[in-house]
Amino acid sequence: MDGTTTTTFALHELPLVLTREDPEAWLLVGMVRARNAVIRADWGHDDFGGTEQETFSDLQHQRYTRRRRVVAVVDGADGDPDRVVGYARLDLPLQENTHTGYADVGVRPEHRGRGIGAALHAAAVELARGDGRTKLVAETDHAVEPPEGPGALSAPTGSGRVPADAPSVRFAQGHGWRLEQVVRHSRLHLPVPADVLETHRAAALERAGADYRLVQWQDACPEAWVEQFALLNTRMSTDVPLGGLDLEEDRWDAERVRRVEEQVLARGEHLLTSAVEHVPTGTLVAFSSFQVPGHSDEFVWQGDTLVLKEHRGRRLGMLVKIAQLDLLARALPSVRRISTWNAEENSWMLAINVALGFRPEGCVGEWQAELSAAPARD
């Protein structure tokens, strides 16, 4: 005996739609647990974890995204969620960007190095190819962004690095993925000193002038703004730096805004949004959002923040971000941490975040893979 442990596992593709009452529901519960274990290993905390409610809800909302799920299961008692040791999540856009998809493959740390990740990756690629996709996008998570040097892999954008020796990086490179962009993860620990907020607020209001005013809401966008909010979301898909990622404009309309709101609420989560109206035209020209998870009352995700190109240079980004902090303090005073992600080359938004007190706490590698054509079927 050489001490090598052999793990016997089988892959199970989950139904497109799955409820808690279905016989396979325990597999999805196991996927949630396995994914949370991977997130905890990558980041060292549970803030970014998911819930069962969130995951089941996502499978009920597939109007704009087809969600394929494959899990790796080891031997044991049938119906035991802890038998699930790995997963492949594949999100396939159905409206725009139908040439690509988003893949997420993970294996519990104690079960790595046994071929499970490679099998799940192959299953995800086969599903994507069978759906006519020619490219895939994936991410690797890193709690620390390395300094320049031989231990770092730099993004082709010229901004940002991932650790070259990280297992996820080696796995991606070994399976033909190319690093296209690095995104900085930043944390803001609350509360922000009042004098800092007031100084930046006063400067932003003076620069914006009387032509701009704030609009805020929780969860559902007011009917009067929904069409314009849809336009802002459309512009968000192309106005931010994308590096070498092959992504097209993602069009939104009022129906999509409502469906996404419905999905978020069904996940047990909530939305907080601040926007800026250009008073002379009565149009929304900037916004920022928080997504409040269902598993923590001390943490929120910073969602999208955008200022339309034609209205930049007036400190509207700072204005709307401070408005969000005010709204958060009123609505959820228990929150103590905010996480945000920005492309390393997005110096304008990073400067706003740094001024407010966000500090780097890791990074995300954005990877892309070219898929060969699926073999012909008889």
Protein backbone atom coordinates (compact mmCIF):
# COMPACT_ATOMS: atom_id res chain seq x y z
CA MET A 1 0.00 0.00 0.00
CA ASP A 2 1.31 3.48 -0.88
CA GLY A 3 -1.16 5.46 1.24
CA THR A 4 -3.10 6.80 -1.76
CA THR A 5 -6.83 7.20 -1.12
CA THR A 6 -9.18 6.38 -3.97
CA THR A 7 -12.56 8.07 -3.98
CA THR A 8 -15.43 6.45 -5.82
CA PHE A 9 -17.86 9.03 -7.05
CA ALA A 10 -20.66 9.44 -9.56
CA LEU A 11 -21.92 12.53 -11.38
CA HIS A 12 -25.60 13.43 -11.27
CA GLU A 13 -27.15 16.10 -13.49
CA LEU A 14 -30.02 17.78 -11.68
CA PRO A 15 -33.37 18.52 -13.32
CA LEU A 16 -33.71 22.04 -14.71
CA VAL A 17 -36.46 22.78 -12.20
CA LEU A 18 -36.29 21.25 -8.76
CA THR A 19 -38.39 21.79 -5.64
CA ARG A 20 -37.87 20.72 -2.06
CA GLU A 21 -40.52 18.02 -2.53
CA ASP A 22 -38.68 16.29 -5.39
CA PRO A 23 -36.72 13.09 -4.68
CA GLU A 24 -33.49 14.69 -5.92
CA ALA A 25 -33.83 17.72 -3.61
CA TRP A 26 -31.15 16.40 -1.24
CA LEU A 27 -28.61 16.68 -4.06
CA LEU A 28 -29.24 20.42 -4.35
CA VAL A 29 -29.01 20.82 -0.57
CA GLY A 30 -25.68 19.01 -0.76
CA MET A 31 -24.52 21.33 -3.53
CA VAL A 32 -25.23 24.34 -1.31
CA ARG A 33 -23.20 22.85 1.52
CA ALA A 34 -20.32 21.89 -0.77
CA ARG A 35 -20.23 25.32 -2.38
CA ASN A 36 -20.25 27.06 1.02
CA ALA A 37 -17.32 24.87 2.08
CA VAL A 38 -15.40 25.95 -1.03
CA ILE A 39 -16.22 29.63 -0.43
CA ARG A 40 -15.12 29.35 3.20
CA ALA A 41 -11.83 27.74 2.12
CA ASP A 42 -11.19 30.45 -0.48
CA TRP A 43 -12.11 33.52 1.57
CA GLY A 44 -11.80 32.45 5.21
CA HIS A 45 -15.33 33.52 6.19
CA ASP A 46 -19.00 32.82 5.42
CA ASP A 47 -20.18 36.23 4.19
CA PHE A 48 -20.27 35.10 0.56
CA GLY A 49 -22.08 31.83 1.25
CA GLY A 50 -25.46 30.88 -0.18
CA THR A 51 -28.65 29.46 1.27
CA GLU A 52 -30.93 26.62 0.28
CA GLN A 53 -33.80 29.06 -0.28
CA GLU A 54 -31.65 31.11 -2.66
CA THR A 55 -30.59 28.05 -4.64
CA PHE A 56 -34.03 26.48 -4.98
CA SER A 57 -35.46 29.87 -5.96
CA ASP A 58 -32.90 30.34 -8.74
CA LEU A 59 -34.16 27.18 -10.44
CA GLN A 60 -37.68 28.60 -10.47
CA HIS A 61 -36.52 31.74 -12.31
CA GLN A 62 -35.00 30.82 -15.66
CA ARG A 63 -36.65 33.30 -18.02
CA TYR A 64 -33.31 34.94 -18.88
CA THR A 65 -30.81 32.28 -17.79
CA ARG A 66 -30.86 28.50 -18.16
CA ARG A 67 -29.30 26.95 -15.05
CA ARG A 68 -27.66 23.54 -15.40
CA ARG A 69 -26.34 21.84 -12.28
CA VAL A 70 -24.16 18.72 -11.93
CA VAL A 71 -22.99 17.27 -8.61
CA ALA A 72 -20.38 14.68 -7.66
CA VAL A 73 -21.63 12.16 -5.08
CA VAL A 74 -19.54 9.67 -3.11
CA ASP A 75 -20.73 6.37 -1.68
CA GLY A 76 -22.90 6.47 1.41
CA ALA A 77 -26.47 6.53 2.65
CA ASP A 78 -28.95 7.60 0.00
CA GLY A 79 -30.46 11.00 0.71
CA ASP A 80 -27.48 12.28 2.74
CA PRO A 81 -26.56 15.78 1.45
CA ASP A 82 -23.03 15.44 2.80
CA ARG A 83 -22.35 12.81 0.13
CA VAL A 84 -22.18 15.68 -2.36
CA VAL A 85 -18.50 16.60 -2.54
CA GLY A 86 -18.36 18.74 -5.67
CA TYR A 87 -20.46 20.63 -8.16
CA ALA A 88 -20.53 22.29 -11.57
CA ARG A 89 -22.89 25.23 -11.99
CA LEU A 90 -23.53 26.43 -15.52
CA ASP A 91 -25.54 29.61 -16.20
CA LEU A 92 -26.46 30.07 -19.86
CA PRO A 93 -27.89 33.44 -20.99
CA LEU A 94 -31.02 33.07 -23.10
CA GLN A 95 -31.56 36.60 -24.43
CA GLU A 96 -28.17 38.08 -25.30
CA ASN A 97 -24.70 36.57 -25.12
CA THR A 98 -26.10 33.23 -26.23
CA HIS A 99 -22.64 32.27 -27.53
CA THR A 100 -21.25 32.06 -24.00
CA GLY A 101 -22.05 30.99 -20.44
CA TYR A 102 -20.77 31.20 -16.88
CA ALA A 103 -19.20 28.14 -15.27
CA ASP A 104 -18.43 27.50 -11.61
CA VAL A 105 -16.71 24.25 -10.61
CA GLY A 106 -15.81 23.43 -7.02
CA VAL A 107 -14.75 20.48 -4.88
CA ARG A 108 -14.68 20.27 -1.10
CA PRO A 109 -11.05 20.77 0.01
CA GLU A 110 -10.77 17.33 1.62
CA HIS A 111 -11.78 15.62 -1.64
CA ARG A 112 -9.47 17.44 -4.05
CA GLY A 113 -6.74 15.82 -6.12
CA ARG A 114 -8.85 12.78 -6.98
CA GLY A 115 -10.19 13.66 -10.43
CA ILE A 116 -13.54 14.99 -9.24
CA GLY A 117 -12.94 18.54 -10.44
CA ALA A 118 -11.76 17.35 -13.85
CA ALA A 119 -14.86 15.18 -14.27
CA LEU A 120 -17.19 18.02 -13.27
CA HIS A 121 -15.37 20.42 -15.61
CA ALA A 122 -15.74 17.99 -18.50
CA ALA A 123 -19.45 17.62 -17.74
CA ALA A 124 -19.96 21.40 -17.71
CA VAL A 125 -18.10 21.84 -21.00
CA GLU A 126 -20.14 19.06 -22.63
CA LEU A 127 -23.41 20.67 -21.51
CA ALA A 128 -22.28 24.07 -22.78
CA ARG A 129 -21.18 22.70 -26.14
CA GLY A 130 -24.41 20.76 -26.46
CA ASP A 131 -26.27 24.04 -25.93
CA GLY A 132 -24.38 25.66 -28.79
CA ARG A 133 -22.02 27.76 -26.68
CA THR A 134 -18.61 28.55 -28.12
CA LYS A 135 -17.08 30.23 -25.08
CA LEU A 136 -17.32 30.08 -21.31
CA VAL A 137 -16.41 32.52 -18.53
CA ALA A 138 -15.32 31.46 -15.03
CA GLU A 139 -13.83 33.02 -11.90
CA THR A 140 -11.14 32.11 -9.40
CA ASP A 141 -11.32 33.61 -5.89
CA HIS A 142 -8.25 34.71 -3.92
CA ALA A 143 -8.19 36.15 -0.41
CA VAL A 144 -4.92 37.97 -1.16
CA GLU A 145 -3.78 39.66 -4.37
CA PRO A 146 -0.05 38.93 -4.78
CA PRO A 147 2.59 41.58 -5.48
CA GLU A 148 4.36 41.65 -8.83
CA GLY A 149 6.94 38.91 -9.24
CA PRO A 150 7.42 35.29 -10.22
CA GLY A 151 4.61 34.15 -7.93
CA ALA A 152 2.00 36.25 -9.71
CA LEU A 153 0.11 35.90 -12.97
CA SER A 154 -0.74 39.32 -14.39
CA ALA A 155 -3.89 40.16 -16.33
CA PRO A 156 -3.41 41.11 -20.00
CA THR A 157 -5.15 44.43 -19.20
CA GLY A 158 -1.97 45.43 -17.38
CA SER A 159 -3.83 45.82 -14.08
CA GLY A 160 -4.10 43.20 -11.36
CA ARG A 161 -2.63 39.80 -10.58
CA VAL A 162 -3.66 36.39 -9.26
CA PRO A 163 -1.39 33.96 -7.37
CA ALA A 164 0.24 31.75 -10.01
CA ASP A 165 0.54 28.76 -7.68
CA ALA A 166 -3.08 28.78 -6.46
CA PRO A 167 -4.72 25.38 -7.17
CA SER A 168 -7.64 27.05 -8.95
CA VAL A 169 -5.26 28.99 -11.22
CA ARG A 170 -3.26 25.88 -12.07
CA PHE A 171 -6.52 24.02 -12.72
CA ALA A 172 -7.82 26.75 -15.06
CA GLN A 173 -4.57 26.93 -17.02
CA GLY A 174 -4.34 23.15 -17.21
CA HIS A 175 -7.81 23.01 -18.78
CA GLY A 176 -7.21 25.62 -21.44
CA TRP A 177 -8.59 28.76 -19.78
CA ARG A 178 -7.04 32.21 -20.36
CA LEU A 179 -6.90 34.94 -17.72
CA GLU A 180 -8.61 38.02 -19.19
CA GLN A 181 -9.08 40.39 -16.26
CA VAL A 182 -8.49 40.77 -12.53
CA VAL A 183 -11.16 42.27 -10.29
CA ARG A 184 -10.29 43.78 -6.92
CA HIS A 185 -12.37 42.75 -3.92
CA SER A 186 -12.65 45.64 -1.45
CA ARG A 187 -14.26 45.80 1.99
CA LEU A 188 -15.78 48.72 3.83
CA HIS A 189 -16.08 48.27 7.58
CA LEU A 190 -18.89 50.36 9.02
CA PRO A 191 -19.55 52.90 10.31
CA VAL A 192 -17.72 55.42 8.15
CA PRO A 193 -16.68 58.45 10.25
CA ALA A 194 -19.33 61.17 9.94
CA ASP A 195 -16.80 63.86 9.06
CA VAL A 196 -15.53 61.78 6.12
CA LEU A 197 -19.04 61.37 4.74
CA GLU A 198 -19.92 65.03 5.20
CA THR A 199 -16.74 66.25 3.53
CA HIS A 200 -17.31 64.10 0.45
CA ARG A 201 -21.05 64.80 0.42
CA ALA A 202 -20.54 68.57 0.42
CA ALA A 203 -17.96 68.41 -2.37
CA ALA A 204 -20.19 66.13 -4.47
CA LEU A 205 -23.29 68.31 -4.02
CA GLU A 206 -21.36 71.43 -4.95
CA ARG A 207 -19.97 69.82 -8.10
CA ALA A 208 -23.33 68.31 -9.14
CA GLY A 209 -25.28 71.52 -8.65
CA ALA A 210 -29.03 71.99 -8.80
CA ASP A 211 -29.50 69.97 -11.99
CA TYR A 212 -29.33 66.66 -10.11
CA ARG A 213 -31.37 65.17 -7.28
CA LEU A 214 -31.45 61.84 -5.45
CA VAL A 215 -34.18 59.19 -5.73
CA GLN A 216 -34.22 56.12 -3.45
CA TRP A 217 -36.23 52.94 -3.00
CA GLN A 218 -36.22 49.55 -1.28
CA ASP A 219 -36.89 46.29 -3.16
CA ALA A 220 -39.23 47.27 -6.04
CA CYS A 221 -38.35 50.19 -8.30
CA PRO A 222 -41.16 52.78 -8.40
CA GLU A 223 -43.29 52.43 -11.51
CA ALA A 224 -42.41 55.96 -12.60
CA TRP A 225 -38.73 55.01 -12.92
CA VAL A 226 -38.79 51.39 -14.04
CA GLU A 227 -38.24 51.99 -17.77
CA GLN A 228 -35.32 54.31 -17.11
CA PHE A 229 -33.88 51.94 -14.52
CA ALA A 230 -33.99 49.21 -17.16
CA LEU A 231 -31.96 51.45 -19.47
CA LEU A 232 -29.36 52.03 -16.76
CA ASN A 233 -29.02 48.26 -16.31
CA THR A 234 -28.57 47.84 -20.05
CA ARG A 235 -25.82 50.44 -20.10
CA MET A 236 -24.19 48.78 -17.10
CA SER A 237 -23.49 45.69 -19.20
CA THR A 238 -21.16 47.56 -21.57
CA ASP A 239 -20.08 50.79 -19.81
CA VAL A 240 -17.81 49.01 -17.34
CA PRO A 241 -14.34 47.62 -18.27
CA LEU A 242 -14.59 44.03 -19.54
CA GLY A 243 -10.96 43.29 -20.37
CA GLY A 244 -10.84 40.60 -23.04
CA LEU A 245 -14.17 39.02 -22.11
CA ASP A 246 -16.34 38.48 -25.18
CA LEU A 247 -19.60 39.92 -23.86
CA GLU A 248 -22.27 41.85 -25.75
CA GLU A 249 -24.79 44.40 -24.50
CA ASP A 250 -27.34 42.78 -22.19
CA ARG A 251 -30.69 44.45 -22.89
CA TRP A 252 -33.14 45.13 -20.07
CA ASP A 253 -36.76 46.28 -20.10
CA ALA A 254 -39.36 46.89 -17.40
CA GLU A 255 -40.46 43.25 -17.40
CA ARG A 256 -36.93 42.09 -16.74
CA VAL A 257 -36.52 44.54 -13.86
CA ARG A 258 -39.69 43.16 -12.27
CA ARG A 259 -38.70 39.53 -12.79
CA VAL A 260 -35.29 40.08 -11.22
CA GLU A 261 -36.87 41.83 -8.25
CA GLU A 262 -39.23 38.89 -7.87
CA GLN A 263 -36.32 36.46 -8.00
CA VAL A 264 -34.29 38.36 -5.39
CA LEU A 265 -37.22 38.54 -2.96
CA ALA A 266 -37.99 34.85 -3.48
CA ARG A 267 -34.38 34.10 -2.53
CA GLY A 268 -35.05 35.69 0.87
CA GLU A 269 -32.96 38.71 -0.05
CA HIS A 270 -33.64 42.43 -0.39
CA LEU A 271 -32.54 45.38 -2.51
CA LEU A 272 -31.61 48.94 -1.57
CA THR A 273 -31.18 51.39 -4.44
CA SER A 274 -30.22 55.03 -4.86
CA ALA A 275 -30.41 56.82 -8.20
CA VAL A 276 -29.74 60.31 -9.53
CA GLU A 277 -32.28 62.21 -11.63
CA HIS A 278 -31.16 64.81 -14.13
CA VAL A 279 -33.82 67.38 -13.30
CA PRO A 280 -33.88 69.32 -16.61
CA THR A 281 -34.66 66.14 -18.59
CA GLY A 282 -36.42 64.12 -15.87
CA THR A 283 -34.22 61.11 -16.55
CA LEU A 284 -32.15 58.80 -14.34
CA VAL A 285 -28.46 59.11 -15.10
CA ALA A 286 -26.77 57.20 -12.25
CA PHE A 287 -27.53 54.49 -9.70
CA SER A 288 -26.02 52.26 -7.05
CA SER A 289 -27.53 49.21 -5.35
CA PHE A 290 -27.03 46.93 -2.37
CA GLN A 291 -28.14 43.31 -2.29
CA VAL A 292 -28.97 42.14 1.22
CA PRO A 293 -28.37 38.39 1.70
CA GLY A 294 -30.73 36.14 3.57
CA HIS A 295 -28.10 34.57 5.82
CA SER A 296 -26.59 37.61 7.58
CA ASP A 297 -27.74 40.85 9.17
CA GLU A 298 -24.18 42.22 9.35
CA PHE A 299 -23.14 42.02 5.68
CA VAL A 300 -24.39 43.31 2.30
CA TRP A 301 -23.14 42.97 -1.26
CA GLN A 302 -22.42 46.16 -3.17
CA GLY A 303 -24.25 45.63 -6.45
CA ASP A 304 -23.83 47.68 -9.60
CA THR A 305 -22.88 51.35 -9.58
CA LEU A 306 -23.04 53.34 -12.80
CA VAL A 307 -22.90 56.93 -13.98
CA LEU A 308 -23.80 57.39 -17.63
CA LYS A 309 -20.80 58.52 -19.65
CA GLU A 310 -22.44 61.77 -20.72
CA HIS A 311 -22.95 62.80 -17.06
CA ARG A 312 -19.54 61.88 -15.65
CA GLY A 313 -17.18 64.42 -14.12
CA ARG A 314 -19.83 65.83 -11.74
CA ARG A 315 -19.09 63.54 -8.77
CA LEU A 316 -22.39 61.73 -9.18
CA GLY A 317 -20.67 58.44 -8.38
CA MET A 318 -19.60 59.76 -4.99
CA LEU A 319 -23.01 61.35 -4.43
CA VAL A 320 -24.94 58.15 -5.09
CA LYS A 321 -22.56 55.97 -3.05
CA ILE A 322 -22.92 58.24 0.00
CA ALA A 323 -26.70 58.20 -0.47
CA GLN A 324 -26.54 54.41 -0.35
CA LEU A 325 -24.64 54.48 2.94
CA ASP A 326 -27.28 56.82 4.37
CA LEU A 327 -30.08 54.52 3.20
CA LEU A 328 -28.32 51.45 4.60
CA ALA A 329 -27.86 53.10 8.01
CA ARG A 330 -31.58 53.88 8.17
CA ALA A 331 -32.88 50.57 6.85
CA LEU A 332 -30.33 48.10 8.26
CA PRO A 333 -28.31 49.65 11.09
CA SER A 334 -26.87 46.26 12.09
CA VAL A 335 -24.77 45.95 8.90
CA ARG A 336 -21.05 46.21 9.58
CA ARG A 337 -19.41 45.04 6.31
CA ILE A 338 -19.86 45.83 2.62
CA SER A 339 -18.01 44.00 -0.15
CA THR A 340 -17.55 45.33 -3.66
CA TRP A 341 -15.73 44.16 -6.78
CA ASN A 342 -14.18 46.46 -9.39
CA ALA A 343 -12.01 45.80 -12.41
CA GLU A 344 -8.45 46.79 -11.50
CA GLU A 345 -8.37 49.12 -14.52
CA ASN A 346 -11.53 50.94 -13.33
CA SER A 347 -9.50 53.64 -11.61
CA TRP A 348 -12.42 56.11 -11.35
CA MET A 349 -14.71 53.88 -9.28
CA LEU A 350 -11.80 52.50 -7.27
CA ALA A 351 -10.83 56.06 -6.32
CA ILE A 352 -14.34 56.72 -4.99
CA ASN A 353 -14.30 53.51 -2.98
CA VAL A 354 -10.85 54.21 -1.52
CA ALA A 355 -11.92 57.73 -0.52
CA LEU A 356 -14.89 56.26 1.37
CA GLY A 357 -12.69 53.77 3.23
CA PHE A 358 -12.91 50.59 1.15
CA ARG A 359 -9.69 48.59 1.42
CA PRO A 360 -8.39 45.73 -0.78
CA GLU A 361 -9.09 42.28 0.61
CA GLY A 362 -8.31 39.87 -2.20
CA CYS A 363 -9.14 39.57 -5.87
CA VAL A 364 -11.02 37.56 -8.47
CA GLY A 365 -9.56 36.26 -11.71
CA GLU A 366 -11.87 36.45 -14.73
CA TRP A 367 -11.13 33.60 -17.15
CA GLN A 368 -12.40 32.69 -20.60
CA ALA A 369 -12.26 29.43 -22.54
CA GLU A 370 -12.88 28.66 -26.20
CA LEU A 371 -15.03 25.58 -26.77
CA SER A 372 -14.62 23.30 -29.73
CA ALA A 373 -17.74 22.34 -31.64
CA ALA A 374 -19.85 19.57 -30.19
CA PRO A 375 -19.53 16.25 -32.04
CA ALA A 376 -22.31 15.41 -34.46
CA ARG A 377 -24.99 13.14 -33.12
CA ASP A 378 -26.62 10.34 -35.07
